N, C-alpha and C. Protein backbone atom coordinates (compact mmCIF):
# COMPACT_ATOMS: atom_id res chain seq x y z
N MET A 1 92.94 40.35 95.15
CA MET A 1 93.86 39.07 94.37
C MET A 1 95.14 39.34 95.48
N THR A 2 95.58 38.18 95.91
CA THR A 2 96.60 37.76 96.89
C THR A 2 97.53 37.32 96.76
N SER A 3 99.12 38.26 97.11
CA SER A 3 100.30 37.97 96.10
C SER A 3 101.46 38.29 97.96
N LEU A 4 102.22 37.52 97.88
CA LEU A 4 103.77 38.05 98.62
C LEU A 4 102.87 38.26 100.27
N GLY A 5 102.03 37.29 100.27
CA GLY A 5 101.40 37.69 101.80
C GLY A 5 100.00 38.60 101.87
N LEU A 6 100.11 39.76 100.89
CA LEU A 6 99.12 41.03 100.78
C LEU A 6 98.31 40.77 100.00
N SER A 7 97.00 41.39 100.32
CA SER A 7 95.75 41.22 99.89
C SER A 7 95.76 43.04 99.08
N VAL A 8 95.07 42.63 97.82
CA VAL A 8 94.59 44.10 97.01
C VAL A 8 93.21 43.95 96.20
N VAL A 9 92.66 45.39 96.87
CA VAL A 9 91.04 45.33 96.52
C VAL A 9 90.85 46.83 96.09
N PRO A 10 89.81 46.54 95.48
CA PRO A 10 89.48 47.63 94.53
C PRO A 10 88.91 48.45 95.98
N ALA A 11 89.87 50.00 95.44
CA ALA A 11 89.25 51.00 96.67
C ALA A 11 87.91 51.01 97.00
N ASN A 12 87.18 51.22 96.09
CA ASN A 12 85.52 51.48 96.74
C ASN A 12 85.15 50.58 97.26
N THR A 13 85.93 49.36 98.14
CA THR A 13 85.48 48.81 98.74
C THR A 13 86.32 48.42 100.47
N VAL A 14 86.75 49.67 100.45
CA VAL A 14 87.68 49.81 101.83
C VAL A 14 87.34 51.47 101.91
N GLY A 15 87.50 51.13 103.21
CA GLY A 15 86.45 52.71 104.03
C GLY A 15 87.94 54.05 103.87
N TRP A 16 87.52 55.39 103.56
CA TRP A 16 88.27 56.24 104.01
C TRP A 16 89.08 56.52 104.61
N ASP A 17 88.95 56.31 105.70
CA ASP A 17 89.96 56.25 106.66
C ASP A 17 91.44 55.52 106.44
N ASP A 18 91.06 53.92 105.48
CA ASP A 18 91.94 53.44 105.74
C ASP A 18 92.91 53.60 104.18
N LEU A 19 92.26 54.64 103.91
CA LEU A 19 93.16 55.37 102.11
C LEU A 19 94.42 56.13 102.65
N GLN A 20 93.41 56.68 103.64
CA GLN A 20 93.87 57.90 104.12
C GLN A 20 95.10 57.88 105.13
N LEU A 21 95.33 56.10 105.50
CA LEU A 21 96.34 55.78 106.66
C LEU A 21 98.04 55.62 105.50
N VAL A 22 97.24 55.36 104.20
CA VAL A 22 97.99 55.10 103.22
C VAL A 22 99.10 56.44 103.27
N PHE A 23 98.17 57.32 102.78
CA PHE A 23 99.10 58.63 102.09
C PHE A 23 99.43 59.03 103.15
N GLY A 24 99.28 59.07 104.48
CA GLY A 24 99.52 59.82 106.20
C GLY A 24 99.21 61.10 105.96
N ALA A 25 99.88 61.65 107.30
CA ALA A 25 99.46 62.96 107.85
C ALA A 25 99.87 64.12 107.52
N SER A 26 101.37 63.57 107.07
CA SER A 26 101.87 65.22 106.56
C SER A 26 103.09 64.43 105.15
N GLY A 27 103.62 65.02 104.76
CA GLY A 27 104.58 64.64 103.56
C GLY A 27 103.96 64.65 102.12
N PRO A 28 104.33 64.33 101.02
CA PRO A 28 104.07 64.70 99.91
C PRO A 28 102.87 63.86 99.36
N ALA A 29 102.71 62.97 99.89
CA ALA A 29 101.67 61.90 99.33
C ALA A 29 100.54 62.58 99.89
N SER A 30 100.44 62.92 101.37
CA SER A 30 99.13 63.69 102.21
C SER A 30 98.62 64.86 101.43
N ARG A 31 99.59 65.42 100.49
CA ARG A 31 99.36 66.90 99.59
C ARG A 31 98.64 66.26 98.85
N CYS A 32 99.43 65.51 98.09
CA CYS A 32 99.22 65.19 96.49
C CYS A 32 97.51 64.89 96.39
N GLN A 33 97.34 63.89 97.10
CA GLN A 33 96.15 62.98 97.35
C GLN A 33 95.75 62.14 95.97
N CYS A 34 96.99 62.52 95.29
CA CYS A 34 97.15 61.68 93.88
C CYS A 34 96.00 62.82 92.67
N GLN A 35 96.57 63.77 93.15
CA GLN A 35 95.58 64.58 91.98
C GLN A 35 96.57 65.29 90.41
N ARG A 36 98.22 65.25 91.33
CA ARG A 36 98.98 66.18 89.95
C ARG A 36 98.45 65.69 88.62
N CYS A 37 98.17 64.60 87.98
CA CYS A 37 97.63 63.96 87.37
C CYS A 37 95.85 64.03 86.53
N LYS A 38 95.35 64.19 87.31
CA LYS A 38 94.15 65.40 87.25
C LYS A 38 93.70 66.37 86.99
N LEU A 39 94.95 66.93 87.30
CA LEU A 39 94.23 68.75 86.93
C LEU A 39 93.48 69.25 85.68
N ALA A 40 91.96 69.40 85.95
CA ALA A 40 91.51 70.22 84.84
C ALA A 40 92.04 71.44 84.17
N PRO A 41 91.65 71.83 83.02
CA PRO A 41 91.93 72.57 82.36
C PRO A 41 92.23 74.29 82.90
N LYS A 42 93.08 74.78 83.01
CA LYS A 42 93.52 75.95 83.83
C LYS A 42 93.35 76.23 85.33
N GLU A 43 93.76 74.71 85.94
CA GLU A 43 94.03 74.45 87.24
C GLU A 43 95.54 74.51 87.19
N SER A 44 96.21 74.76 88.60
CA SER A 44 97.20 74.84 89.05
C SER A 44 97.36 73.98 90.17
N PHE A 45 98.66 73.11 90.28
CA PHE A 45 98.37 72.00 91.63
C PHE A 45 98.16 72.88 92.94
N GLY A 46 99.10 74.40 93.04
CA GLY A 46 99.01 74.95 93.69
C GLY A 46 97.50 75.35 93.90
N GLY A 47 96.64 75.40 93.48
CA GLY A 47 95.81 76.33 93.35
C GLY A 47 94.47 76.05 93.81
N PHE A 48 94.81 74.93 94.43
CA PHE A 48 93.55 74.53 95.75
C PHE A 48 94.03 73.60 96.87
N PRO A 49 93.06 73.80 97.63
CA PRO A 49 94.08 73.38 98.47
C PRO A 49 93.76 71.90 99.29
N THR A 50 94.61 71.08 99.98
CA THR A 50 94.46 70.05 100.22
C THR A 50 93.78 69.27 100.68
N GLU A 51 92.83 69.85 101.03
CA GLU A 51 91.33 69.92 101.90
C GLU A 51 90.53 69.56 100.45
N GLU A 52 90.62 69.93 99.40
CA GLU A 52 90.29 70.32 98.13
C GLU A 52 90.49 68.99 96.98
N ARG A 53 91.33 68.48 97.15
CA ARG A 53 92.50 67.58 96.50
C ARG A 53 91.99 65.83 97.53
N ALA A 54 91.52 66.70 98.75
CA ALA A 54 91.13 64.89 99.44
C ALA A 54 89.99 64.94 99.51
N PHE A 55 88.62 65.42 98.67
CA PHE A 55 87.31 65.57 98.63
C PHE A 55 87.40 64.98 97.18
N ARG A 56 88.42 65.54 96.29
CA ARG A 56 88.27 65.06 94.99
C ARG A 56 88.49 63.44 95.13
N LEU A 57 90.04 63.36 95.85
CA LEU A 57 90.44 61.47 95.50
C LEU A 57 88.71 60.83 96.45
N ARG A 58 88.77 61.05 97.38
CA ARG A 58 87.52 60.26 97.42
C ARG A 58 86.03 60.29 96.77
N GLN A 59 85.73 60.81 96.33
CA GLN A 59 84.94 61.33 94.98
C GLN A 59 85.55 59.98 93.95
N GLN A 60 86.40 60.12 93.54
CA GLN A 60 87.01 59.13 92.66
C GLN A 60 87.31 58.22 93.01
N THR A 61 88.11 57.74 94.10
CA THR A 61 87.68 56.19 94.55
C THR A 61 85.98 55.99 94.67
N ASP A 62 85.28 56.44 95.17
CA ASP A 62 84.04 55.77 96.12
C ASP A 62 84.26 54.83 97.00
N CYS A 63 85.53 55.27 97.94
CA CYS A 63 85.71 54.33 98.96
C CYS A 63 84.53 54.08 99.82
N GLY A 64 84.04 52.88 100.24
CA GLY A 64 83.14 52.90 100.98
C GLY A 64 81.85 51.89 100.73
N HIS A 65 81.93 52.51 99.56
CA HIS A 65 80.62 51.96 98.43
C HIS A 65 80.87 50.68 97.41
N ARG A 66 81.23 49.48 98.16
CA ARG A 66 81.05 48.17 97.92
C ARG A 66 80.54 47.64 96.69
N ARG A 67 79.35 48.24 96.19
CA ARG A 67 78.35 47.92 95.51
C ARG A 67 78.50 48.71 94.32
N SER A 68 79.04 49.94 94.17
CA SER A 68 79.27 50.76 93.43
C SER A 68 79.85 50.36 92.02
N GLY A 69 80.87 49.48 92.24
CA GLY A 69 81.68 49.19 90.87
C GLY A 69 82.41 50.10 90.35
N THR A 70 83.00 50.93 90.58
CA THR A 70 83.26 52.47 90.13
C THR A 70 84.63 52.26 91.11
N THR A 71 85.79 53.01 90.77
CA THR A 71 86.41 53.14 91.61
C THR A 71 88.48 53.85 90.67
N SER A 72 88.78 54.38 90.70
CA SER A 72 90.09 54.77 90.34
C SER A 72 91.36 53.91 90.85
N GLY A 73 90.89 53.48 91.49
CA GLY A 73 92.00 52.81 92.36
C GLY A 73 92.27 51.43 92.88
N LEU A 74 93.40 50.96 93.48
CA LEU A 74 93.42 49.97 94.36
C LEU A 74 93.89 50.10 95.98
N VAL A 75 93.48 49.21 96.52
CA VAL A 75 94.62 49.27 98.14
C VAL A 75 95.27 47.67 98.46
N ALA A 76 96.08 47.93 98.87
CA ALA A 76 97.08 47.25 99.17
C ALA A 76 96.59 46.48 101.07
N PHE A 77 96.97 45.93 101.07
CA PHE A 77 96.66 45.48 102.71
C PHE A 77 97.78 44.33 103.26
N GLU A 78 98.11 44.32 104.38
CA GLU A 78 99.15 43.31 104.76
C GLU A 78 98.16 42.67 106.05
N ASP A 79 97.52 41.48 105.86
CA ASP A 79 96.64 41.53 107.46
C ASP A 79 95.06 42.69 106.81
N LYS A 80 95.07 43.08 108.60
CA LYS A 80 94.21 44.79 108.61
C LYS A 80 94.58 45.82 108.66
N ASP A 81 95.97 45.49 107.81
CA ASP A 81 96.84 46.96 107.72
C ASP A 81 96.64 47.67 106.54
N PRO A 82 95.99 49.09 105.94
CA PRO A 82 95.90 49.36 104.64
C PRO A 82 97.34 49.89 104.46
N VAL A 83 98.16 49.29 103.52
CA VAL A 83 99.71 49.43 103.59
C VAL A 83 99.98 49.80 102.24
N GLY A 84 99.20 50.28 100.88
CA GLY A 84 99.29 50.80 99.71
C GLY A 84 98.15 51.28 98.84
N TRP A 85 98.56 52.23 97.70
CA TRP A 85 97.81 52.55 96.88
C TRP A 85 98.37 52.58 95.12
N CYS A 86 97.48 52.03 94.62
CA CYS A 86 97.42 52.66 93.01
C CYS A 86 96.36 53.31 92.63
N ALA A 87 96.77 53.65 91.94
CA ALA A 87 95.92 54.77 91.27
C ALA A 87 96.21 54.40 89.76
N VAL A 88 94.93 54.05 89.08
CA VAL A 88 94.80 52.86 87.57
C VAL A 88 93.25 53.46 86.81
N GLU A 89 93.23 53.73 86.55
CA GLU A 89 92.23 53.77 85.31
C GLU A 89 92.51 53.93 84.20
N PRO A 90 91.09 54.40 83.33
CA PRO A 90 91.57 54.64 81.64
C PRO A 90 92.83 55.70 81.67
N ARG A 91 93.42 55.91 80.67
CA ARG A 91 94.18 56.84 80.71
C ARG A 91 93.24 58.78 80.36
N SER A 92 92.40 58.47 79.91
CA SER A 92 91.69 59.35 79.45
C SER A 92 91.31 60.29 80.65
N GLU A 93 91.02 59.40 81.61
CA GLU A 93 90.65 60.51 82.96
C GLU A 93 91.34 61.38 83.61
N TYR A 94 92.68 60.97 83.19
CA TYR A 94 93.85 62.03 83.77
C TYR A 94 94.17 63.12 83.34
N ALA A 95 93.46 63.87 83.21
CA ALA A 95 93.28 65.17 82.58
C ALA A 95 94.25 65.84 82.27
N GLY A 96 95.00 66.33 83.48
CA GLY A 96 96.64 66.52 83.41
C GLY A 96 97.62 66.00 82.76
N LEU A 97 97.55 64.32 82.76
CA LEU A 97 98.29 63.65 82.17
C LEU A 97 98.08 63.92 80.74
N LEU A 98 96.91 64.15 79.95
CA LEU A 98 96.82 64.66 78.40
C LEU A 98 96.92 65.68 78.03
N ARG A 99 97.38 66.39 79.16
CA ARG A 99 97.52 67.80 78.59
C ARG A 99 98.34 68.21 78.82
N VAL A 100 98.98 68.07 79.75
CA VAL A 100 100.33 68.77 80.25
C VAL A 100 101.42 68.30 80.50
N PHE A 101 101.39 66.72 81.04
CA PHE A 101 102.95 65.98 81.01
C PHE A 101 102.97 65.30 79.62
N ARG A 102 104.38 65.72 78.99
CA ARG A 102 104.92 65.32 77.54
C ARG A 102 105.31 63.96 78.22
N VAL A 103 105.91 63.13 79.02
CA VAL A 103 106.47 62.01 79.14
C VAL A 103 105.22 61.06 78.21
N PRO A 104 104.56 60.69 78.73
CA PRO A 104 103.53 58.94 78.07
C PRO A 104 103.25 59.72 76.47
N TRP A 105 103.39 60.71 76.08
CA TRP A 105 103.53 61.36 74.58
C TRP A 105 104.82 61.29 73.81
N GLU A 106 105.94 61.70 73.89
CA GLU A 106 106.77 62.07 73.56
C GLU A 106 107.18 60.84 72.36
N GLY A 107 107.59 61.21 71.06
CA GLY A 107 107.71 59.58 70.46
C GLY A 107 107.59 59.20 69.91
N ARG A 108 105.66 59.19 70.23
CA ARG A 108 104.49 58.19 70.06
C ARG A 108 103.42 59.13 69.33
N GLU A 109 102.41 58.15 68.66
CA GLU A 109 101.30 58.39 67.97
C GLU A 109 100.60 57.91 68.51
N GLU A 110 99.38 58.43 69.82
CA GLU A 110 98.67 57.69 70.45
C GLU A 110 97.52 58.80 70.74
N ASP A 111 96.23 57.64 70.38
CA ASP A 111 95.34 58.42 70.59
C ASP A 111 94.72 58.77 72.01
N ARG A 112 95.05 59.82 72.26
CA ARG A 112 94.72 59.99 73.59
C ARG A 112 93.60 60.20 74.73
N ALA A 113 92.53 59.96 73.67
CA ALA A 113 91.06 60.14 74.19
C ALA A 113 90.50 58.64 74.30
N ASP A 114 91.93 57.78 73.94
CA ASP A 114 91.16 56.36 73.74
C ASP A 114 91.05 55.15 75.30
N PRO A 115 89.68 55.30 75.70
CA PRO A 115 89.26 54.97 76.47
C PRO A 115 89.71 53.28 77.19
N THR A 116 90.03 52.90 75.89
CA THR A 116 90.85 51.40 76.00
C THR A 116 92.10 51.22 76.52
N VAL A 117 92.94 52.18 76.81
CA VAL A 117 94.79 52.47 77.44
C VAL A 117 94.02 52.84 78.96
N TRP A 118 94.50 52.06 79.34
CA TRP A 118 94.43 52.19 81.19
C TRP A 118 95.86 52.95 81.47
N ALA A 119 96.21 53.46 82.48
CA ALA A 119 97.17 54.05 82.89
C ALA A 119 97.58 53.98 84.48
N VAL A 120 98.18 53.52 85.19
CA VAL A 120 99.01 53.57 86.50
C VAL A 120 99.96 54.81 86.48
N THR A 121 99.27 56.02 87.22
CA THR A 121 100.04 56.34 87.62
C THR A 121 100.82 56.87 89.09
N CYS A 122 100.37 56.14 89.69
CA CYS A 122 101.00 56.33 91.03
C CYS A 122 101.21 54.70 92.12
N LEU A 123 102.11 54.84 92.25
CA LEU A 123 102.01 53.81 93.33
C LEU A 123 102.98 54.25 94.87
N LEU A 124 102.12 53.94 95.84
CA LEU A 124 102.25 54.85 96.92
C LEU A 124 102.37 53.40 98.28
N THR A 125 103.44 53.33 98.85
CA THR A 125 103.72 52.59 99.97
C THR A 125 103.97 53.34 101.15
N ARG A 126 103.25 53.19 101.83
CA ARG A 126 102.66 53.72 103.29
C ARG A 126 104.48 52.96 104.49
N LYS A 127 104.61 54.69 104.52
CA LYS A 127 105.24 54.31 105.63
C LYS A 127 105.50 53.39 106.41
N GLY A 128 106.55 52.85 106.66
CA GLY A 128 107.03 51.71 107.57
C GLY A 128 106.94 50.28 106.72
N PHE A 129 105.88 49.92 105.52
CA PHE A 129 105.41 48.89 104.92
C PHE A 129 106.69 48.86 103.58
N ARG A 130 107.76 49.68 103.39
CA ARG A 130 108.39 50.00 102.09
C ARG A 130 109.19 48.90 102.29
N LYS A 131 109.47 48.38 100.66
CA LYS A 131 111.06 47.44 100.64
C LYS A 131 110.57 45.95 100.99
N SER A 132 108.79 45.79 100.94
CA SER A 132 108.21 44.69 101.36
C SER A 132 107.20 43.96 100.44
N GLY A 133 107.56 44.60 99.04
CA GLY A 133 106.70 43.88 98.14
C GLY A 133 105.61 44.77 97.93
N VAL A 134 105.23 45.60 98.19
CA VAL A 134 103.73 45.91 98.36
C VAL A 134 103.30 46.94 96.87
N SER A 135 104.51 47.33 96.19
CA SER A 135 104.27 48.02 95.20
C SER A 135 103.97 47.23 94.15
N ARG A 136 105.04 46.24 94.18
CA ARG A 136 105.17 44.98 93.13
C ARG A 136 103.38 44.41 93.20
N ALA A 137 103.07 44.05 94.52
CA ALA A 137 101.50 43.30 94.23
C ALA A 137 100.45 44.21 93.61
N LEU A 138 100.80 45.71 93.95
CA LEU A 138 99.78 46.58 93.40
C LEU A 138 100.06 46.36 91.94
N ALA A 139 101.18 46.65 91.39
CA ALA A 139 101.33 46.48 89.55
C ALA A 139 101.02 44.99 89.09
N VAL A 140 100.77 43.89 89.84
CA VAL A 140 100.32 42.80 89.53
C VAL A 140 98.54 43.07 89.36
N ALA A 141 98.28 43.71 90.43
CA ALA A 141 96.67 43.68 90.38
C ALA A 141 95.95 44.58 89.32
N ALA A 142 97.45 45.61 89.38
CA ALA A 142 96.65 46.60 88.42
C ALA A 142 96.22 45.63 87.03
N VAL A 143 97.11 45.01 87.06
CA VAL A 143 97.36 44.19 85.35
C VAL A 143 96.04 43.60 85.17
N ASP A 144 95.88 42.58 86.05
CA ASP A 144 94.59 42.37 86.03
C ASP A 144 93.26 42.91 86.35
N PHE A 145 93.19 43.86 87.32
CA PHE A 145 91.69 44.90 87.36
C PHE A 145 91.53 45.53 86.06
N ALA A 146 93.02 46.36 85.43
CA ALA A 146 92.49 46.83 83.95
C ALA A 146 91.69 45.38 82.71
N ARG A 147 92.44 44.62 83.32
CA ARG A 147 91.69 43.61 81.76
C ARG A 147 90.81 43.30 82.08
N GLU A 148 90.40 43.20 83.21
CA GLU A 148 89.05 42.55 83.85
C GLU A 148 87.78 43.82 83.50
N ARG A 149 88.46 44.89 83.31
CA ARG A 149 87.32 46.12 83.19
C ARG A 149 87.80 46.36 81.83
N GLY A 150 87.76 45.62 80.71
CA GLY A 150 87.61 45.62 79.26
C GLY A 150 88.91 46.68 78.48
N ALA A 151 89.87 46.76 79.49
CA ALA A 151 91.32 46.83 78.49
C ALA A 151 91.82 46.77 77.95
N ARG A 152 92.93 47.35 76.75
CA ARG A 152 93.14 46.56 75.80
C ARG A 152 94.58 46.86 75.91
N ALA A 153 95.09 47.81 76.78
CA ALA A 153 96.55 47.55 77.17
C ALA A 153 96.70 48.62 78.11
N LEU A 154 97.84 47.98 79.08
CA LEU A 154 97.84 49.47 80.63
C LEU A 154 99.40 49.83 80.36
N GLU A 155 99.44 51.02 80.99
CA GLU A 155 100.96 51.45 80.55
C GLU A 155 101.07 52.44 82.36
N ALA A 156 102.46 52.87 82.37
CA ALA A 156 102.84 53.10 83.16
C ALA A 156 104.08 54.37 82.91
N TYR A 157 104.65 54.91 83.43
CA TYR A 157 105.64 56.06 83.60
C TYR A 157 106.27 55.69 84.56
N PRO A 158 107.08 54.82 84.83
CA PRO A 158 108.26 54.68 86.14
C PRO A 158 109.39 55.50 85.77
N ILE A 159 110.03 55.80 87.25
CA ILE A 159 111.74 55.94 86.72
C ILE A 159 112.42 55.04 86.57
N THR A 160 113.98 55.33 85.76
CA THR A 160 114.79 54.78 85.27
C THR A 160 116.04 54.41 86.62
N THR A 161 116.05 54.98 87.56
CA THR A 161 116.58 54.66 88.90
C THR A 161 116.47 55.02 89.96
N THR A 162 116.84 54.48 91.06
CA THR A 162 116.21 54.58 92.77
C THR A 162 117.14 55.31 93.29
N ASP A 163 117.72 55.95 92.66
CA ASP A 163 118.77 57.30 93.30
C ASP A 163 117.59 58.38 93.39
N VAL A 164 116.74 58.16 93.92
CA VAL A 164 116.01 59.32 93.64
C VAL A 164 115.04 59.96 95.20
N ILE A 165 114.56 60.91 95.35
CA ILE A 165 113.67 61.38 96.53
C ILE A 165 112.95 60.65 96.98
N THR A 166 111.66 60.33 97.42
CA THR A 166 110.52 59.43 97.72
C THR A 166 110.03 59.86 97.30
N GLU A 167 109.10 60.98 97.29
CA GLU A 167 108.22 61.29 96.51
C GLU A 167 107.76 60.81 94.53
N GLU A 168 109.35 60.86 94.71
CA GLU A 168 109.70 60.66 92.83
C GLU A 168 109.40 58.73 92.63
N LEU A 169 109.08 58.62 93.69
CA LEU A 169 109.20 56.59 93.49
C LEU A 169 107.67 56.47 93.56
N HIS A 170 106.74 57.64 94.10
CA HIS A 170 105.56 57.55 93.74
C HIS A 170 104.51 56.96 92.04
N VAL A 171 105.68 57.31 91.04
CA VAL A 171 105.38 56.92 89.67
C VAL A 171 106.18 55.48 89.73
N GLY A 172 106.84 54.66 91.01
CA GLY A 172 107.24 53.19 90.64
C GLY A 172 108.33 53.12 89.78
N THR A 173 109.00 51.79 89.60
CA THR A 173 110.32 51.66 89.14
C THR A 173 109.92 50.88 87.83
N VAL A 174 111.27 50.98 86.79
CA VAL A 174 110.98 49.68 85.93
C VAL A 174 110.92 48.65 86.38
N PRO A 175 111.89 48.09 87.69
CA PRO A 175 111.50 46.56 87.85
C PRO A 175 110.29 46.17 88.70
N THR A 176 109.42 46.95 89.37
CA THR A 176 107.89 47.08 89.58
C THR A 176 107.52 46.30 88.47
N PHE A 177 107.41 47.68 87.20
CA PHE A 177 106.79 47.19 86.67
C PHE A 177 106.47 45.90 85.63
N ALA A 178 108.26 45.42 85.19
CA ALA A 178 108.52 44.53 84.52
C ALA A 178 108.07 43.46 85.11
N ALA A 179 108.30 42.96 86.50
CA ALA A 179 107.81 42.16 87.26
C ALA A 179 106.04 41.45 86.91
N ALA A 180 105.42 42.71 86.65
CA ALA A 180 104.20 42.30 86.36
C ALA A 180 103.99 42.47 85.16
N GLY A 181 104.51 41.98 84.30
CA GLY A 181 104.46 41.76 82.91
C GLY A 181 104.80 43.00 81.60
N LEU A 182 104.70 44.52 82.10
CA LEU A 182 105.22 45.89 81.21
C LEU A 182 106.29 45.42 80.67
N ALA A 183 106.65 46.03 79.48
CA ALA A 183 108.10 46.02 78.42
C ALA A 183 108.21 47.76 78.33
N ILE A 184 109.08 48.27 78.26
CA ILE A 184 109.47 49.33 77.92
C ILE A 184 109.31 50.01 76.07
N VAL A 185 108.23 50.70 76.07
CA VAL A 185 108.01 50.62 74.78
C VAL A 185 108.82 52.47 74.29
N SER A 186 109.34 53.29 75.45
CA SER A 186 109.84 54.40 74.64
C SER A 186 110.52 55.16 76.09
N ARG A 187 111.50 55.66 75.59
CA ARG A 187 112.33 56.65 77.10
C ARG A 187 112.11 57.92 76.86
N PRO A 188 111.23 59.01 76.42
CA PRO A 188 110.99 60.15 76.35
C PRO A 188 111.85 61.03 77.07
N SER A 189 112.91 60.50 78.10
CA SER A 189 113.49 61.46 79.09
C SER A 189 114.55 60.61 79.77
N PRO A 190 115.84 60.83 79.78
CA PRO A 190 116.83 59.87 80.64
C PRO A 190 116.39 59.39 81.62
N ARG A 191 115.39 60.02 82.79
CA ARG A 191 115.05 59.31 83.92
C ARG A 191 113.51 58.91 83.90
N ARG A 192 113.04 58.95 82.70
CA ARG A 192 111.40 58.31 82.49
C ARG A 192 111.14 57.47 81.63
N VAL A 193 110.27 56.19 81.38
CA VAL A 193 109.98 55.62 80.87
C VAL A 193 108.80 55.27 80.29
N VAL A 194 108.23 55.00 79.31
CA VAL A 194 107.02 54.55 79.20
C VAL A 194 107.19 52.78 79.54
N MET A 195 106.18 52.02 79.82
CA MET A 195 105.91 50.94 80.02
C MET A 195 104.62 50.44 79.72
N ARG A 196 104.28 49.09 78.89
CA ARG A 196 103.02 48.73 78.40
C ARG A 196 103.00 47.57 78.41
N ILE A 197 101.92 47.00 78.40
CA ILE A 197 100.67 45.49 78.46
C ILE A 197 99.97 45.31 77.57
N ASP A 198 100.11 44.95 75.95
CA ASP A 198 98.51 44.79 75.37
C ASP A 198 98.31 43.63 75.51
N TYR A 199 96.65 43.51 75.73
CA TYR A 199 96.39 42.59 76.28
C TYR A 199 95.92 41.38 75.25
């Protein structure tokens, strides 16, 4: 999909080096490698090195394998520059989200194993390209991406304020997801909401 002068494509259709340019060589994103919500039982975030996190992300995205059709996210480009990342896949694929985090579940009765409910757990814009519509383009693309792959709903868990440190913005903001058609369905904490679109 193309929006606001940006193109957004499945991560498996781009090279691994392009995705790593988005994550950067230092800082929270480069260390996380989008693994915080993917923790397996008995794993702690600090319990495995960045190299292992990157290895897992490479497997999850299947970067560079255009014909595979399976991937865990989207990459935004401005012309030929990779500028953004969106983690989007069935909510049931986020083992840590299902097991540890309370935000998606507080005050709601949800089947955590339902593969037809998808989730966006990360929106990341590359340094130097922020505040240019990248996150909104990724959120809009995620709605279409999930729908086209059989999702019956898509959720996100953004923060409610922009007065935060940069790494907190990786979950996105309410206006970003509202612009993509998601609506608030619960407020599990003063700083986080659950937003959702049903197809």
